[in-house]
Amino acid sequence: MSSTARRGARLLVALLLAAATLMTPGTAHAASTITVAPTTLAPGDTFTIDFTATPRRSGTNYAQRFYTEFGNPLGGLHDFTSVESCTGNLGGACTEDGFGPLVPLGTLVGGTTYTGSLTLRVDDTVPSGSTFVVRYQLISTSVGGDATQDGPTVTVLRTDADIAVGLSTTGSLLGGRIGVTASATNNGPGAAADVVLTTELPAGTTSVASLPAGCLHTTADDRVTCTIPAVAGGATATRSFTAQQGLLSVGLALPVTTTRTASSTTDPNAANDSASRNCTVITGLIILC
C-alpha cells in the first residue's frame, strides 16, 4: 500500500471514530437509574420516582427529566400527571415543561452520586386500564445529556367497587311471616370484599328462620346482619331468610330496609346503598308485600 493510501486509510478511521463519538449518547454522564412505586394505582393516586445519577463530568444546570413513550394515547407525562413534591440536590423548584416533569439539580460534581425523588399525581380523568412507561434522562446545559432510558410500566386501574343493594319481600297467606331476600350487585370495576348487608326488620319480629352462613339476627333491634366475603365485578350475591311476626293488627305497615353498612373495598356511589320495601297486614295471619 502506498503512503498516500495509508494516509487515506488512517484519515478514514479517524473520521469514523469521531463520528461514533458524536453519535454515542450519554458520553457526558454515567447512566441514571430509577425505581417507581407503586406501579399499579388508581386514577387520582400518586406514585414516586426515586433516582440516582453519577455525572462523569462536572457541569451546571443539571436536571433529571422524565417522559413517557412516544405516541401514548394519554399524551406526554406532563399532560396527565401533576407534580406533588420532589427531593434531592435541588437547583430550583420542581416544574413541568413541554417535554415532561423536571427535577432541577443545579451544579453537579463529576464522579459524585446524587439521589432524589419526584412524586406525581395521576389525573382523576385517566381511564382505568391505561398504561404508560416512565422514561428518564439526565441532562445539563453545559455538558449535554444522556440517552433517554426506559423505566417500569405503570398501570392505572380503578379498584373501587360500586355495590348496588337490592331487596325483595314476600308475604304469607297464613302464619304471619315475611320472606326477605337481600342482594348486593357489584357494578365494578373492581372486586368487592367483606360486604356487610344490614336488614332492619319490622318492630315486633319474634324470630328469624333459615339464616344463611355469615348472617346473624339480633333480637334487641330486630336486625339481621349478613357478611359476604367477596363479590366479583358484575356478580350478584343474595342472602334469604324468613322473619316471623308477632301479634298483628289489620292495616299495620311492616317496613323492611336493607343497607350496605360496610365493605373493605371503597364504594364510590352511596346513592344505591340502600333499598326498602313495605308489607301490610291484611288479617291477623295474612301479610301482603
C-alpha atoms as a PDB file:
ATOM      1  CA  MET A   1       0.000   0.000   0.000  1.00  0.00           C
ATOM      2  CA  SER A   2       1.402   3.407  -0.961  1.00  0.00           C
ATOM      3  CA  SER A   3       1.978   6.104   1.645  1.00  0.00           C
ATOM      4  CA  THR A   4      -0.854   8.101   0.155  1.00  0.00           C
ATOM      5  CA  ALA A   5      -3.214   5.139   0.559  1.00  0.00           C
ATOM      6  CA  ARG A   6      -2.060   4.555   4.141  1.00  0.00           C
ATOM      7  CA  ARG A   7      -2.664   8.213   4.986  1.00  0.00           C
ATOM      8  CA  GLY A   8      -6.099   7.978   3.422  1.00  0.00           C
ATOM      9  CA  ALA A   9      -6.919   4.862   5.456  1.00  0.00           C
ATOM     10  CA  ARG A  10      -5.781   6.479   8.704  1.00  0.00           C
ATOM     11  CA  LEU A  11      -7.874   9.560   7.937  1.00  0.00           C
ATOM     12  CA  LEU A  12     -10.935   7.401   7.256  1.00  0.00           C
ATOM     13  CA  VAL A  13     -10.507   5.555  10.587  1.00  0.00           C
ATOM     14  CA  ALA A  14     -10.147   8.860  12.438  1.00  0.00           C
ATOM     15  CA  LEU A  15     -13.291  10.241  10.832  1.00  0.00           C
ATOM     16  CA  LEU A  16     -15.268   7.104  11.711  1.00  0.00           C
ATOM     17  CA  LEU A  17     -14.122   7.238  15.345  1.00  0.00           C
ATOM     18  CA  ALA A  18     -15.041  10.903  15.566  1.00  0.00           C
ATOM     19  CA  ALA A  19     -18.474  10.223  14.129  1.00  0.00           C
ATOM     20  CA  ALA A  20     -19.022   7.343  16.550  1.00  0.00           C
ATOM     21  CA  THR A  21     -18.076   9.585  19.459  1.00  0.00           C
ATOM     22  CA  LEU A  22     -20.513  12.285  18.368  1.00  0.00           C
ATOM     23  CA  MET A  23     -23.340   9.802  17.871  1.00  0.00           C
ATOM     24  CA  THR A  24     -22.813   7.852  21.112  1.00  0.00           C
ATOM     25  CA  PRO A  25     -25.375   9.086  23.670  1.00  0.00           C
ATOM     26  CA  GLY A  26     -24.527   9.559  27.298  1.00  0.00           C
ATOM     27  CA  THR A  27     -20.838  10.379  26.859  1.00  0.00           C
ATOM     28  CA  ALA A  28     -21.169  13.158  29.448  1.00  0.00           C
ATOM     29  CA  HIS A  29     -22.732  11.040  32.173  1.00  0.00           C
ATOM     30  CA  ALA A  30     -22.973   7.631  33.703  1.00  0.00           C
ATOM     31  CA  ALA A  31     -26.443   6.124  33.205  1.00  0.00           C
ATOM     32  CA  SER A  32     -29.115   7.258  35.641  1.00  0.00           C
ATOM     33  CA  THR A  33     -31.218   4.637  37.393  1.00  0.00           C
ATOM     34  CA  ILE A  34     -34.745   4.872  38.774  1.00  0.00           C
ATOM     35  CA  THR A  35     -37.266   2.913  40.803  1.00  0.00           C
ATOM     36  CA  VAL A  36     -41.007   3.575  40.659  1.00  0.00           C
ATOM     37  CA  ALA A  37     -43.587   2.729  43.347  1.00  0.00           C
ATOM     38  CA  PRO A  38     -46.326   1.793  43.146  1.00  0.00           C
ATOM     39  CA  THR A  39     -46.540   0.597  39.578  1.00  0.00           C
ATOM     40  CA  THR A  40     -50.276  -0.127  39.815  1.00  0.00           C
ATOM     41  CA  LEU A  41     -52.509   2.676  41.060  1.00  0.00           C
ATOM     42  CA  ALA A  42     -55.962   4.174  40.688  1.00  0.00           C
ATOM     43  CA  PRO A  43     -56.861   7.462  38.981  1.00  0.00           C
ATOM     44  CA  GLY A  44     -56.105  10.297  41.400  1.00  0.00           C
ATOM     45  CA  ASP A  45     -53.384   8.340  43.215  1.00  0.00           C
ATOM     46  CA  THR A  46     -49.720   9.315  43.471  1.00  0.00           C
ATOM     47  CA  PHE A  47     -46.555   7.432  42.576  1.00  0.00           C
ATOM     48  CA  THR A  48     -42.940   8.222  43.448  1.00  0.00           C
ATOM     49  CA  ILE A  49     -39.862   8.007  41.238  1.00  0.00           C
ATOM     50  CA  ASP A  50     -36.585   7.612  43.158  1.00  0.00           C
ATOM     51  CA  PHE A  51     -33.493   8.263  41.062  1.00  0.00           C
ATOM     52  CA  THR A  52     -29.689   8.194  41.250  1.00  0.00           C
ATOM     53  CA  ALA A  53     -27.289   9.944  38.900  1.00  0.00           C
ATOM     54  CA  THR A  54     -23.485   9.997  38.703  1.00  0.00           C
ATOM     55  CA  PRO A  55     -22.299  12.558  36.153  1.00  0.00           C
ATOM     56  CA  ARG A  56     -18.973  11.732  34.543  1.00  0.00           C
ATOM     57  CA  ARG A  57     -18.136  15.415  34.256  1.00  0.00           C
ATOM     58  CA  SER A  58     -18.832  18.422  36.433  1.00  0.00           C
ATOM     59  CA  GLY A  59     -21.353  20.796  34.952  1.00  0.00           C
ATOM     60  CA  THR A  60     -24.024  23.367  35.569  1.00  0.00           C
ATOM     61  CA  ASN A  61     -27.803  23.369  35.192  1.00  0.00           C
ATOM     62  CA  TYR A  62     -28.135  19.628  35.600  1.00  0.00           C
ATOM     63  CA  ALA A  63     -31.649  18.189  35.788  1.00  0.00           C
ATOM     64  CA  GLN A  64     -33.372  14.823  35.854  1.00  0.00           C
ATOM     65  CA  ARG A  65     -36.155  14.800  33.281  1.00  0.00           C
ATOM     66  CA  PHE A  66     -38.997  12.301  32.938  1.00  0.00           C
ATOM     67  CA  TYR A  67     -41.114  11.348  29.933  1.00  0.00           C
ATOM     68  CA  THR A  68     -43.401   8.641  28.718  1.00  0.00           C
ATOM     69  CA  GLU A  69     -43.272   6.696  25.464  1.00  0.00           C
ATOM     70  CA  PHE A  70     -43.930   8.466  22.193  1.00  0.00           C
ATOM     71  CA  GLY A  71     -47.467   8.027  20.891  1.00  0.00           C
ATOM     72  CA  ASN A  72     -49.057   7.122  24.228  1.00  0.00           C
ATOM     73  CA  PRO A  73     -52.786   7.962  23.906  1.00  0.00           C
ATOM     74  CA  LEU A  74     -52.642   9.758  27.255  1.00  0.00           C
ATOM     75  CA  GLY A  75     -50.174  12.256  25.777  1.00  0.00           C
ATOM     76  CA  GLY A  76     -46.933  13.304  27.409  1.00  0.00           C
ATOM     77  CA  LEU A  77     -46.308  12.509  31.068  1.00  0.00           C
ATOM     78  CA  HIS A  78     -46.917  16.155  31.940  1.00  0.00           C
ATOM     79  CA  ASP A  79     -50.326  16.023  30.190  1.00  0.00           C
ATOM     80  CA  PHE A  80     -51.929  13.606  32.664  1.00  0.00           C
ATOM     81  CA  THR A  81     -49.872  14.000  35.850  1.00  0.00           C
ATOM     82  CA  SER A  82     -49.038  16.882  38.174  1.00  0.00           C
ATOM     83  CA  VAL A  83     -46.043  17.408  40.442  1.00  0.00           C
ATOM     84  CA  GLU A  84     -46.762  16.800  44.128  1.00  0.00           C
ATOM     85  CA  SER A  85     -43.241  17.068  45.556  1.00  0.00           C
ATOM     86  CA  CYS A  86     -39.576  16.414  44.872  1.00  0.00           C
ATOM     87  CA  THR A  87     -36.387  15.989  46.885  1.00  0.00           C
ATOM     88  CA  GLY A  88     -32.655  15.883  46.240  1.00  0.00           C
ATOM     89  CA  ASN A  89     -29.830  18.265  45.415  1.00  0.00           C
ATOM     90  CA  LEU A  90     -32.380  20.759  44.136  1.00  0.00           C
ATOM     91  CA  GLY A  91     -31.176  23.598  41.990  1.00  0.00           C
ATOM     92  CA  GLY A  92     -34.620  25.177  41.845  1.00  0.00           C
ATOM     93  CA  ALA A  93     -38.302  24.326  42.055  1.00  0.00           C
ATOM     94  CA  CYS A  94     -39.660  21.143  40.501  1.00  0.00           C
ATOM     95  CA  THR A  95     -41.537  22.003  37.369  1.00  0.00           C
ATOM     96  CA  GLU A  96     -43.017  20.706  34.131  1.00  0.00           C
ATOM     97  CA  ASP A  97     -42.116  21.837  30.640  1.00  0.00           C
ATOM     98  CA  GLY A  98     -43.003  20.855  27.110  1.00  0.00           C
ATOM     99  CA  PHE A  99     -41.129  17.560  27.451  1.00  0.00           C
ATOM    100  CA  GLY A 100     -42.145  16.328  30.917  1.00  0.00           C
ATOM    101  CA  PRO A 101     -41.647  16.767  34.663  1.00  0.00           C
ATOM    102  CA  LEU A 102     -38.233  18.148  35.535  1.00  0.00           C
ATOM    103  CA  VAL A 103     -36.206  17.950  38.766  1.00  0.00           C
ATOM    104  CA  PRO A 104     -33.507  20.673  38.663  1.00  0.00           C
ATOM    105  CA  LEU A 105     -30.203  19.574  40.247  1.00  0.00           C
ATOM    106  CA  GLY A 106     -28.072  22.663  39.684  1.00  0.00           C
ATOM    107  CA  THR A 107     -24.272  22.285  39.581  1.00  0.00           C
ATOM    108  CA  LEU A 108     -23.045  18.692  39.975  1.00  0.00           C
ATOM    109  CA  VAL A 109     -19.534  17.344  40.506  1.00  0.00           C
ATOM    110  CA  GLY A 110     -18.333  14.648  38.141  1.00  0.00           C
ATOM    111  CA  GLY A 111     -17.962  11.212  39.711  1.00  0.00           C
ATOM    112  CA  THR A 112     -20.268  12.022  42.632  1.00  0.00           C
ATOM    113  CA  THR A 113     -23.539  10.128  43.015  1.00  0.00           C
ATOM    114  CA  TYR A 114     -26.662  12.163  43.611  1.00  0.00           C
ATOM    115  CA  THR A 115     -30.093  10.910  44.643  1.00  0.00           C
ATOM    116  CA  GLY A 116     -33.543  12.413  44.596  1.00  0.00           C
ATOM    117  CA  SER A 117     -37.214  11.693  44.158  1.00  0.00           C
ATOM    118  CA  LEU A 118     -40.249  13.022  42.346  1.00  0.00           C
ATOM    119  CA  THR A 119     -43.853  12.347  43.353  1.00  0.00           C
ATOM    120  CA  LEU A 120     -46.509  12.711  40.667  1.00  0.00           C
ATOM    121  CA  ARG A 121     -50.290  12.550  40.913  1.00  0.00           C
ATOM    122  CA  VAL A 122     -52.227  10.861  38.107  1.00  0.00           C
ATOM    123  CA  ASP A 123     -55.256  12.854  36.984  1.00  0.00           C
ATOM    124  CA  ASP A 124     -58.689  11.615  38.065  1.00  0.00           C
ATOM    125  CA  THR A 125     -59.749  11.510  34.414  1.00  0.00           C
ATOM    126  CA  VAL A 126     -57.205   8.862  33.341  1.00  0.00           C
ATOM    127  CA  PRO A 127     -59.223   5.846  32.131  1.00  0.00           C
ATOM    128  CA  SER A 128     -58.971   2.625  34.090  1.00  0.00           C
ATOM    129  CA  GLY A 129     -56.712   0.139  32.299  1.00  0.00           C
ATOM    130  CA  SER A 130     -54.344   2.799  30.933  1.00  0.00           C
ATOM    131  CA  THR A 131     -50.589   2.131  30.968  1.00  0.00           C
ATOM    132  CA  PHE A 132     -47.513   4.255  30.424  1.00  0.00           C
ATOM    133  CA  VAL A 133     -43.739   3.788  30.532  1.00  0.00           C
ATOM    134  CA  VAL A 134     -41.684   6.057  32.801  1.00  0.00           C
ATOM    135  CA  ARG A 135     -38.726   7.225  30.685  1.00  0.00           C
ATOM    136  CA  TYR A 136     -35.896   9.305  32.116  1.00  0.00           C
ATOM    137  CA  GLN A 137     -32.795  11.282  31.198  1.00  0.00           C
ATOM    138  CA  LEU A 138     -30.019  13.195  32.992  1.00  0.00           C
ATOM    139  CA  ILE A 139     -29.372  16.469  31.175  1.00  0.00           C
ATOM    140  CA  SER A 140     -27.120  19.525  31.548  1.00  0.00           C
ATOM    141  CA  THR A 141     -26.950  22.747  29.554  1.00  0.00           C
ATOM    142  CA  SER A 142     -23.165  22.782  29.873  1.00  0.00           C
ATOM    143  CA  VAL A 143     -22.188  19.177  29.063  1.00  0.00           C
ATOM    144  CA  GLY A 144     -25.155  17.709  27.188  1.00  0.00           C
ATOM    145  CA  GLY A 145     -27.447  14.845  28.075  1.00  0.00           C
ATOM    146  CA  ASP A 146     -27.743  11.089  28.446  1.00  0.00           C
ATOM    147  CA  ALA A 147     -29.789   8.970  26.123  1.00  0.00           C
ATOM    148  CA  THR A 148     -33.381   8.584  27.272  1.00  0.00           C
ATOM    149  CA  GLN A 149     -33.870   5.275  29.078  1.00  0.00           C
ATOM    150  CA  ASP A 150     -36.990   3.205  29.687  1.00  0.00           C
ATOM    151  CA  GLY A 151     -38.076   2.540  33.262  1.00  0.00           C
ATOM    152  CA  PRO A 152     -41.012   0.492  34.559  1.00  0.00           C
ATOM    153  CA  THR A 153     -44.511   0.421  33.091  1.00  0.00           C
ATOM    154  CA  VAL A 154     -47.204   1.938  35.322  1.00  0.00           C
ATOM    155  CA  THR A 155     -50.800   0.680  35.161  1.00  0.00           C
ATOM    156  CA  VAL A 156     -53.754   2.865  36.120  1.00  0.00           C
ATOM    157  CA  LEU A 157     -56.568   0.657  37.346  1.00  0.00           C
ATOM    158  CA  ARG A 158     -59.665   1.503  39.323  1.00  0.00           C
ATOM    159  CA  THR A 159     -60.050  -0.880  42.235  1.00  0.00           C
ATOM    160  CA  ASP A 160     -63.194   0.562  43.818  1.00  0.00           C
ATOM    161  CA  ALA A 161     -66.458  -1.365  43.603  1.00  0.00           C
ATOM    162  CA  ASP A 162     -69.940   0.127  43.364  1.00  0.00           C
ATOM    163  CA  ILE A 163     -72.300  -2.090  45.354  1.00  0.00           C
ATOM    164  CA  ALA A 164     -75.974  -1.707  44.479  1.00  0.00           C
ATOM    165  CA  VAL A 165     -78.258  -3.054  47.207  1.00  0.00           C
ATOM    166  CA  GLY A 166     -81.462  -4.862  46.270  1.00  0.00           C
ATOM    167  CA  LEU A 167     -84.332  -6.135  48.395  1.00  0.00           C
ATOM    168  CA  SER A 168     -87.376  -8.289  47.715  1.00  0.00           C
ATOM    169  CA  THR A 169     -90.027  -9.376  50.202  1.00  0.00           C
ATOM    170  CA  THR A 170     -92.873 -11.867  50.108  1.00  0.00           C
ATOM    171  CA  GLY A 171     -95.820 -12.081  52.470  1.00  0.00           C
ATOM    172  CA  SER A 172     -97.569 -15.213  53.746  1.00  0.00           C
ATOM    173  CA  LEU A 173    -101.159 -16.211  53.300  1.00  0.00           C
ATOM    174  CA  LEU A 174    -101.039 -17.900  56.672  1.00  0.00           C
ATOM    175  CA  GLY A 175     -98.618 -17.783  59.556  1.00  0.00           C
ATOM    176  CA  GLY A 176     -97.631 -14.103  59.740  1.00  0.00           C
ATOM    177  CA  ARG A 177     -94.224 -14.466  58.064  1.00  0.00           C
ATOM    178  CA  ILE A 178     -92.196 -12.245  55.721  1.00  0.00           C
ATOM    179  CA  GLY A 179     -89.733 -13.761  53.289  1.00  0.00           C
ATOM    180  CA  VAL A 180     -86.702 -11.490  52.786  1.00  0.00           C
ATOM    181  CA  THR A 181     -84.032 -11.637  50.056  1.00  0.00           C
ATOM    182  CA  ALA A 182     -81.274  -9.038  50.279  1.00  0.00           C
ATOM    183  CA  SER A 183     -78.808  -8.691  47.419  1.00  0.00           C
ATOM    184  CA  ALA A 184     -75.509  -6.991  46.648  1.00  0.00           C
ATOM    185  CA  THR A 185     -74.757  -6.391  42.950  1.00  0.00           C
ATOM    186  CA  ASN A 186     -71.209  -5.315  42.172  1.00  0.00           C
ATOM    187  CA  ASN A 187     -71.234  -2.760  39.351  1.00  0.00           C
ATOM    188  CA  GLY A 188     -67.424  -2.770  39.403  1.00  0.00           C
ATOM    189  CA  PRO A 189     -64.960  -2.060  38.194  1.00  0.00           C
ATOM    190  CA  GLY A 190     -63.055  -3.824  40.991  1.00  0.00           C
ATOM    191  CA  ALA A 191     -63.942  -6.859  43.087  1.00  0.00           C
ATOM    192  CA  ALA A 192     -65.703  -6.192  46.388  1.00  0.00           C
ATOM    193  CA  ALA A 193     -64.669  -7.765  49.683  1.00  0.00           C
ATOM    194  CA  ASP A 194     -66.267  -8.098  53.127  1.00  0.00           C
ATOM    195  CA  VAL A 195     -69.586  -6.590  52.107  1.00  0.00           C
ATOM    196  CA  VAL A 196     -71.951  -6.206  55.068  1.00  0.00           C
ATOM    197  CA  LEU A 197     -75.708  -6.020  54.431  1.00  0.00           C
ATOM    198  CA  THR A 198     -77.813  -4.973  57.391  1.00  0.00           C
ATOM    199  CA  THR A 199     -81.571  -5.569  57.189  1.00  0.00           C
ATOM    200  CA  GLU A 200     -83.891  -3.699  59.544  1.00  0.00           C
ATOM    201  CA  LEU A 201     -86.974  -5.843  60.213  1.00  0.00           C
ATOM    202  CA  PRO A 202     -90.398  -4.637  61.413  1.00  0.00           C
ATOM    203  CA  ALA A 203     -90.668  -3.967  65.119  1.00  0.00           C
ATOM    204  CA  GLY A 204     -92.065  -6.966  66.918  1.00  0.00           C
ATOM    205  CA  THR A 205     -90.296  -9.600  64.837  1.00  0.00           C
ATOM    206  CA  THR A 206     -90.208 -12.628  67.121  1.00  0.00           C
ATOM    207  CA  SER A 207     -87.765 -14.905  65.292  1.00  0.00           C
ATOM    208  CA  VAL A 208     -85.838 -15.438  62.084  1.00  0.00           C
ATOM    209  CA  ALA A 209     -85.604 -18.767  60.288  1.00  0.00           C
ATOM    210  CA  SER A 210     -83.362 -20.207  57.566  1.00  0.00           C
ATOM    211  CA  LEU A 211     -80.486 -17.836  58.236  1.00  0.00           C
ATOM    212  CA  PRO A 212     -77.616 -18.469  55.768  1.00  0.00           C
ATOM    213  CA  ALA A 213     -73.982 -18.753  56.832  1.00  0.00           C
ATOM    214  CA  GLY A 214     -72.487 -15.395  57.705  1.00  0.00           C
ATOM    215  CA  CYS A 215     -75.818 -13.917  58.867  1.00  0.00           C
ATOM    216  CA  LEU A 216     -76.729 -13.013  62.441  1.00  0.00           C
ATOM    217  CA  HIS A 217     -80.080 -11.979  63.928  1.00  0.00           C
ATOM    218  CA  THR A 218     -80.045  -9.612  66.900  1.00  0.00           C
ATOM    219  CA  THR A 219     -83.437  -9.573  68.603  1.00  0.00           C
ATOM    220  CA  ALA A 220     -82.780  -6.399  70.590  1.00  0.00           C
ATOM    221  CA  ASP A 221     -83.097  -4.224  67.484  1.00  0.00           C
ATOM    222  CA  ASP A 222     -84.882  -6.571  65.036  1.00  0.00           C
ATOM    223  CA  ARG A 223     -81.888  -6.633  62.720  1.00  0.00           C
ATOM    224  CA  VAL A 224     -80.190  -9.231  60.513  1.00  0.00           C
ATOM    225  CA  THR A 225     -76.558  -8.606  59.560  1.00  0.00           C
ATOM    226  CA  CYS A 226     -75.006 -10.637  56.735  1.00  0.00           C
ATOM    227  CA  THR A 227     -71.308 -10.542  55.813  1.00  0.00           C
ATOM    228  CA  ILE A 228     -70.439 -11.550  52.241  1.00  0.00           C
ATOM    229  CA  PRO A 229     -66.717 -12.337  51.879  1.00  0.00           C
ATOM    230  CA  ALA A 230     -66.397 -11.459  48.169  1.00  0.00           C
ATOM    231  CA  VAL A 231     -68.471 -10.269  45.219  1.00  0.00           C
ATOM    232  CA  ALA A 232     -66.765 -10.255  41.828  1.00  0.00           C
ATOM    233  CA  GLY A 233     -67.285  -7.402  39.389  1.00  0.00           C
ATOM    234  CA  GLY A 234     -70.586  -7.907  37.565  1.00  0.00           C
ATOM    235  CA  ALA A 235     -71.784 -10.554  40.055  1.00  0.00           C
ATOM    236  CA  THR A 236     -74.706 -10.547  42.487  1.00  0.00           C
ATOM    237  CA  ALA A 237     -74.765 -12.193  45.911  1.00  0.00           C
ATOM    238  CA  THR A 238     -78.044 -12.837  47.745  1.00  0.00           C
ATOM    239  CA  ARG A 239     -78.981 -13.760  51.294  1.00  0.00           C
ATOM    240  CA  SER A 240     -82.503 -15.021  52.067  1.00  0.00           C
ATOM    241  CA  PHE A 241     -84.362 -15.755  55.331  1.00  0.00           C
ATOM    242  CA  THR A 242     -87.820 -15.641  56.891  1.00  0.00           C
ATOM    243  CA  ALA A 243     -88.942 -13.215  59.613  1.00  0.00           C
ATOM    244  CA  GLN A 244     -91.740 -14.335  61.907  1.00  0.00           C
ATOM    245  CA  GLN A 245     -94.050 -11.576  63.100  1.00  0.00           C
ATOM    246  CA  GLY A 246     -95.832 -11.412  66.469  1.00  0.00           C
ATOM    247  CA  LEU A 247     -99.355 -10.159  67.185  1.00  0.00           C
ATOM    248  CA  LEU A 248    -100.552  -8.222  64.146  1.00  0.00           C
ATOM    249  CA  SER A 249    -103.191  -5.534  63.698  1.00  0.00           C
ATOM    250  CA  VAL A 250    -105.105  -5.237  60.434  1.00  0.00           C
ATOM    251  CA  GLY A 251    -103.711  -2.467  58.244  1.00  0.00           C
ATOM    252  CA  LEU A 252    -100.395  -2.378  60.079  1.00  0.00           C
ATOM    253  CA  ALA A 253     -97.437  -1.374  57.868  1.00  0.00           C
ATOM    254  CA  LEU A 254     -94.364  -3.594  58.126  1.00  0.00           C
ATOM    255  CA  PRO A 255     -91.316  -1.814  56.627  1.00  0.00           C
ATOM    256  CA  VAL A 256     -88.142  -3.707  55.704  1.00  0.00           C
ATOM    257  CA  THR A 257     -84.895  -1.944  54.776  1.00  0.00           C
ATOM    258  CA  THR A 258     -81.525  -3.351  53.709  1.00  0.00           C
ATOM    259  CA  THR A 259     -78.373  -1.191  53.699  1.00  0.00           C
ATOM    260  CA  ARG A 260     -74.732  -1.760  52.815  1.00  0.00           C
ATOM    261  CA  THR A 261     -73.182  -0.803  56.138  1.00  0.00           C
ATOM    262  CA  ALA A 262     -69.571  -1.765  55.389  1.00  0.00           C
ATOM    263  CA  SER A 263     -67.140  -3.127  52.811  1.00  0.00           C
ATOM    264  CA  SER A 264     -63.367  -3.264  52.732  1.00  0.00           C
ATOM    265  CA  THR A 265     -63.332  -2.106  49.095  1.00  0.00           C
ATOM    266  CA  THR A 266     -64.146   1.555  48.504  1.00  0.00           C
ATOM    267  CA  ASP A 267     -67.693   2.128  47.233  1.00  0.00           C
ATOM    268  CA  PRO A 268     -67.792   5.366  45.209  1.00  0.00           C
ATOM    269  CA  ASN A 269     -71.590   5.613  44.992  1.00  0.00           C
ATOM    270  CA  ALA A 270     -73.664   5.927  48.158  1.00  0.00           C
ATOM    271  CA  ALA A 271     -76.903   6.582  46.269  1.00  0.00           C
ATOM    272  CA  ASN A 272     -77.630   2.869  45.719  1.00  0.00           C
ATOM    273  CA  ASP A 273     -76.505   1.574  49.116  1.00  0.00           C
ATOM    274  CA  SER A 274     -79.997   1.023  50.499  1.00  0.00           C
ATOM    275  CA  ALA A 275     -83.330  -0.484  49.448  1.00  0.00           C
ATOM    276  CA  SER A 276     -86.708  -0.601  51.205  1.00  0.00           C
ATOM    277  CA  ARG A 277     -89.987  -2.496  50.886  1.00  0.00           C
ATOM    278  CA  ASN A 278     -93.305  -2.218  52.737  1.00  0.00           C
ATOM    279  CA  CYS A 279     -95.583  -5.058  53.677  1.00  0.00           C
ATOM    280  CA  THR A 280     -99.130  -4.700  55.008  1.00  0.00           C
ATOM    281  CA  VAL A 281    -101.174  -6.840  57.434  1.00  0.00           C
ATOM    282  CA  ILE A 282    -104.470  -7.927  55.808  1.00  0.00           C
ATOM    283  CA  THR A 283    -105.682 -10.135  58.657  1.00  0.00           C
ATOM    284  CA  GLY A 284    -104.046 -11.382  61.781  1.00  0.00           C
ATOM    285  CA  LEU A 285    -102.245 -14.075  59.762  1.00  0.00           C
ATOM    286  CA  ILE A 286    -102.113 -12.756  56.185  1.00  0.00           C
ATOM    287  CA  ILE A 287     -99.372 -10.352  55.064  1.00  0.00           C
ATOM    288  CA  LEU A 288     -99.073  -8.826  51.606  1.00  0.00           C
ATOM    289  CA  CYS A 289     -95.813  -7.337  50.311  1.00  0.00           C
END
